[in-house]
Amino acid sequence: MEKSAKIAAYFEKEGPFREGIARLRDLVSDTELEEDFKWSCPVYTLGKENVVGVLAFKNHFGLWFFNGVFLSDPLGVLENAQEGKTKAMRHWKFTSVEQIDPRHVKAYVLEAIANAR
C-alpha cells in the first residue's frame, strides 16, 4: 500500500476519535510541514526532521511533539510520551474534539517548527 493510501486509511478508520484526529490533521496541515507515514501513524516533517505526529489511542488522541521538551508549554499540557523511554518527545492528550483550541494547537505547532529550524 502506498504512503498516501496508508495516511487516508488511518484517518478514515472508524473510532471514537476520528473527528478529533481529523481536526488536528487540518490544523497541522495548514503549516509548511509535509505529511508522511512512519511507525504506522501520520508524522509531519520539516525536511527530514520529524516535528509532530497525530495519533489516536484507546482512551485518547493527540499530538506527539518529537522535540517537545524544547517547547515553552505555556498551558502546561505536555507530558512525557513514554516515561523512562523517551527523553525529548512530549504528548498533548485530548479526549474530545471540544478540547481542541485551534489557536493554542497552532501556536504549539508553529513553535515546534521554529525549533526544528
Protein backbone atom coordinates (compact mmCIF):
# COMPACT_ATOMS: atom_id res chain seq x y z
CA MET A 1 0.00 0.00 0.00
CA GLU A 2 1.41 3.39 -0.95
CA LYS A 3 2.03 6.11 1.65
CA SER A 4 -0.95 8.30 0.71
CA ALA A 5 -3.29 5.30 0.94
CA LYS A 6 -1.93 4.43 4.39
CA ILE A 7 -2.47 8.00 5.57
CA ALA A 8 -6.01 8.06 4.17
CA ALA A 9 -6.80 4.72 5.82
CA TYR A 10 -5.53 5.99 9.17
CA PHE A 11 -7.85 8.99 9.12
CA GLU A 12 -10.82 7.10 7.66
CA LYS A 13 -10.73 4.31 10.24
CA GLU A 14 -13.86 4.24 12.40
CA GLY A 15 -13.27 5.04 16.02
CA PRO A 16 -14.28 7.34 18.84
CA PHE A 17 -11.59 9.91 17.99
CA ARG A 18 -11.96 10.06 14.23
CA GLU A 19 -13.29 13.62 14.27
CA GLY A 20 -10.59 14.75 16.71
CA ILE A 21 -7.65 13.45 14.73
CA ALA A 22 -9.16 14.90 11.55
CA ARG A 23 -9.33 18.31 13.24
CA LEU A 24 -5.71 18.05 14.39
CA ARG A 25 -4.69 16.98 10.88
CA ASP A 26 -6.37 20.06 9.41
CA LEU A 27 -4.53 22.34 11.84
CA VAL A 28 -1.12 20.75 11.27
CA SER A 29 -1.67 20.58 7.50
CA ASP A 30 -2.22 24.34 7.47
CA THR A 31 1.53 24.80 8.03
CA GLU A 32 4.61 24.20 5.91
CA LEU A 33 5.07 20.69 7.33
CA GLU A 34 4.97 17.71 4.97
CA GLU A 35 2.68 14.79 5.77
CA ASP A 36 4.40 11.41 5.98
CA PHE A 37 3.59 7.98 7.40
CA LYS A 38 6.04 6.42 9.85
CA TRP A 39 5.64 3.87 12.64
CA SER A 40 2.05 3.19 11.49
CA CYS A 41 0.88 6.79 12.04
CA PRO A 42 0.89 10.19 10.34
CA VAL A 43 4.05 12.18 11.03
CA TYR A 44 4.67 15.75 9.90
CA THR A 45 8.17 16.70 8.90
CA LEU A 46 10.31 19.70 8.04
CA GLY A 47 12.93 18.50 5.61
CA LYS A 48 13.97 15.15 7.05
CA GLU A 49 13.20 16.15 10.66
CA ASN A 50 10.16 14.71 12.43
CA VAL A 51 8.25 17.55 14.09
CA VAL A 52 4.83 16.29 15.17
CA GLY A 53 2.61 13.22 14.88
CA VAL A 54 -1.17 12.90 15.06
CA LEU A 55 -2.23 9.77 16.91
CA ALA A 56 -5.33 8.03 18.19
CA PHE A 57 -5.18 5.62 21.11
CA LYS A 58 -7.75 3.59 23.04
CA ASN A 59 -8.62 6.29 25.59
CA HIS A 60 -7.36 9.50 23.99
CA PHE A 61 -5.91 11.11 20.89
CA GLY A 62 -3.35 13.82 20.46
CA LEU A 63 -0.16 15.28 19.17
CA TRP A 64 3.32 13.89 19.68
CA PHE A 65 5.99 16.57 19.52
CA PHE A 66 9.23 14.79 18.70
CA ASN A 67 11.31 17.51 20.38
CA GLY A 68 8.59 18.69 22.70
CA VAL A 69 10.99 19.01 25.62
CA PHE A 70 12.16 22.25 23.94
CA LEU A 71 8.67 23.78 23.72
CA SER A 72 7.82 26.54 26.20
CA ASP A 73 4.48 24.84 27.06
CA PRO A 74 2.67 27.92 28.43
CA LEU A 75 -0.51 25.90 29.01
CA GLY A 76 1.27 23.12 30.88
CA VAL A 77 -0.35 20.45 28.68
CA LEU A 78 2.66 18.44 27.54
CA GLU A 79 3.50 15.09 29.13
CA ASN A 80 6.48 12.83 28.61
CA ALA A 81 5.31 10.50 25.84
CA GLN A 82 6.69 7.35 27.48
CA GLU A 83 8.15 7.94 30.92
CA GLY A 84 11.51 6.24 31.24
CA LYS A 85 11.78 5.59 27.48
CA THR A 86 11.67 8.95 25.73
CA LYS A 87 13.76 11.96 26.61
CA ALA A 88 12.61 14.67 24.19
CA MET A 89 9.17 13.55 22.98
CA ARG A 90 6.13 15.15 24.56
CA HIS A 91 2.46 14.29 24.12
CA TRP A 92 -0.58 16.59 24.23
CA LYS A 93 -3.60 14.43 25.01
CA PHE A 94 -7.25 15.11 24.20
CA THR A 95 -10.37 13.08 24.98
CA SER A 96 -12.86 15.14 22.96
CA VAL A 97 -12.80 17.40 19.93
CA GLU A 98 -14.22 20.20 22.10
CA GLN A 99 -10.90 20.36 23.97
CA ILE A 100 -9.08 21.44 20.81
CA ASP A 101 -8.46 25.20 20.76
CA PRO A 102 -7.16 25.87 17.25
CA ARG A 103 -5.18 28.96 18.33
CA HIS A 104 -3.32 27.06 21.03
CA VAL A 105 -2.64 23.99 18.90
CA LYS A 106 -1.37 26.17 16.06
CA ALA A 107 0.90 28.10 18.45
CA TYR A 108 2.50 24.89 19.73
CA VAL A 109 2.97 23.52 16.21
CA LEU A 110 4.48 26.79 14.97
CA GLU A 111 6.89 26.85 17.93
CA ALA A 112 7.86 23.24 17.14
CA ILE A 113 8.53 24.24 13.52
CA ALA A 114 10.64 27.21 14.64
CA ASN A 115 12.63 24.93 16.95
CA ALA A 116 13.18 22.43 14.12
CA ARG A 117 14.79 25.17 12.04
